[in-house]
Amino acid sequence: MLKSYNVANIRCEGCANTIKKALSEHFGNSVEVDLSVMPRKVTVEIKGDTDEELFISTLRKLGYPLIDDEISSIEGAVMKGKSFVSCAVGKFNPKKEKQ
């Protein structure tokens, strides 16, 4: 089932590249990041609870929690820092388009 999630800390194409690259190993090319809306939406093919847990935990490790996640202010600050680094990595290592 294709599901969309509102995700925090996504600012640009660098963030989107990092998210797509990190999730592509498990979810393939089904990952889409919509940068045209606020809050940003990430859409992915979820086949069960295990997929959803992996999706959410991977985003959190990168510093991109779901908008609805209850996190402390300290944890929120840490995730913003992680997302800043993830964003920079995504800008320097853009996903190469298949031709």
Protein backbone atom coordinates (compact mmCIF):
# COMPACT_ATOMS: atom_id res chain seq x y z
CA MET A 1 0.00 0.00 0.00
CA LEU A 2 1.32 3.42 -0.94
CA LYS A 3 1.41 5.65 2.16
CA SER A 4 2.37 9.29 2.68
CA TYR A 5 3.89 10.67 5.87
CA ASN A 6 4.44 14.26 7.03
CA VAL A 7 8.13 14.53 7.89
CA ALA A 8 10.00 17.25 9.81
CA ASN A 9 13.36 18.89 9.01
CA ILE A 10 13.25 18.32 5.22
CA ARG A 11 14.39 21.55 3.62
CA CYS A 12 15.77 20.89 0.16
CA GLU A 13 16.76 18.50 -2.61
CA GLY A 14 19.85 17.49 -0.59
CA CYS A 15 17.57 16.23 2.18
CA ALA A 16 15.40 14.42 -0.39
CA ASN A 17 18.46 12.77 -1.98
CA THR A 18 19.67 11.49 1.38
CA ILE A 19 16.25 10.08 2.27
CA LYS A 20 15.79 8.39 -1.11
CA LYS A 21 19.27 6.86 -1.01
CA ALA A 22 18.87 5.55 2.54
CA LEU A 23 15.46 4.04 1.87
CA SER A 24 16.10 2.72 -1.66
CA GLU A 25 17.92 -0.42 -0.48
CA HIS A 26 14.74 -1.75 1.14
CA PHE A 27 11.98 0.15 -0.67
CA GLY A 28 13.49 0.47 -4.14
CA ASN A 29 12.33 3.33 -6.32
CA SER A 30 8.96 3.67 -4.57
CA VAL A 31 10.25 6.52 -2.36
CA GLU A 32 9.05 10.00 -3.31
CA VAL A 33 9.75 13.23 -1.42
CA ASP A 34 7.35 16.12 -2.13
CA LEU A 35 9.19 19.41 -1.59
CA SER A 36 6.28 21.50 -2.87
CA VAL A 37 4.15 21.18 0.28
CA MET A 38 4.56 22.06 3.95
CA PRO A 39 4.99 19.96 5.93
CA ARG A 40 7.06 17.91 3.51
CA LYS A 41 5.60 14.56 2.51
CA VAL A 42 7.44 11.30 1.94
CA THR A 43 5.50 8.63 0.09
CA VAL A 44 6.58 5.00 0.05
CA GLU A 45 5.22 1.51 -0.64
CA ILE A 46 4.54 -0.09 2.77
CA LYS A 47 3.79 -3.81 2.81
CA GLY A 48 3.34 -4.29 6.55
CA ASP A 49 4.19 -3.20 10.08
CA THR A 50 7.83 -4.24 9.68
CA ASP A 51 8.21 -1.99 6.63
CA GLU A 52 6.62 0.92 8.47
CA GLU A 53 8.89 0.46 11.51
CA LEU A 54 11.98 0.30 9.27
CA PHE A 55 10.85 3.39 7.37
CA ILE A 56 10.27 5.44 10.53
CA SER A 57 13.47 4.30 12.27
CA THR A 58 15.58 5.03 9.18
CA LEU A 59 14.17 8.55 8.91
CA ARG A 60 14.79 9.17 12.62
CA LYS A 61 18.42 7.99 12.33
CA LEU A 62 18.92 10.53 9.55
CA GLY A 63 17.32 13.31 11.64
CA TYR A 64 13.94 13.38 9.91
CA PRO A 65 11.21 12.40 12.41
CA LEU A 66 7.54 12.23 11.52
CA ILE A 67 5.67 15.45 12.36
CA ASP A 68 3.44 13.50 14.78
CA ASP A 69 6.38 11.92 16.70
CA GLU A 70 6.53 12.94 20.32
CA ILE A 71 10.14 13.93 20.94
CA SER A 72 11.79 15.92 23.69
CA SER A 73 13.28 19.32 22.94
CA ILE A 74 16.79 17.89 23.35
CA GLU A 75 16.05 15.00 21.01
CA GLY A 76 14.50 17.48 18.56
CA ALA A 77 17.68 19.58 18.61
CA VAL A 78 19.82 16.48 18.03
CA MET A 79 17.63 15.46 15.08
CA LYS A 80 17.90 18.94 13.55
CA GLY A 81 21.68 18.61 13.75
CA LYS A 82 21.57 15.16 12.17
CA SER A 83 19.29 16.40 9.40
CA PHE A 84 21.68 19.28 8.68
CA VAL A 85 24.52 16.77 8.16
CA SER A 86 22.27 14.44 6.14
CA CYS A 87 21.25 17.38 3.96
CA ALA A 88 24.88 18.31 3.29
CA VAL A 89 25.71 14.71 2.39
CA GLY A 90 22.76 14.64 -0.02
CA LYS A 91 23.96 17.81 -1.72
CA PHE A 92 27.48 16.45 -2.24
CA ASN A 93 26.33 12.97 -3.30
CA PRO A 94 23.28 13.54 -5.47
CA LYS A 95 21.41 10.51 -6.70
CA LYS A 96 22.43 9.80 -10.25
CA GLU A 97 19.52 9.59 -12.63
CA LYS A 98 19.31 6.51 -14.84
CA GLN A 99 19.55 7.32 -18.52
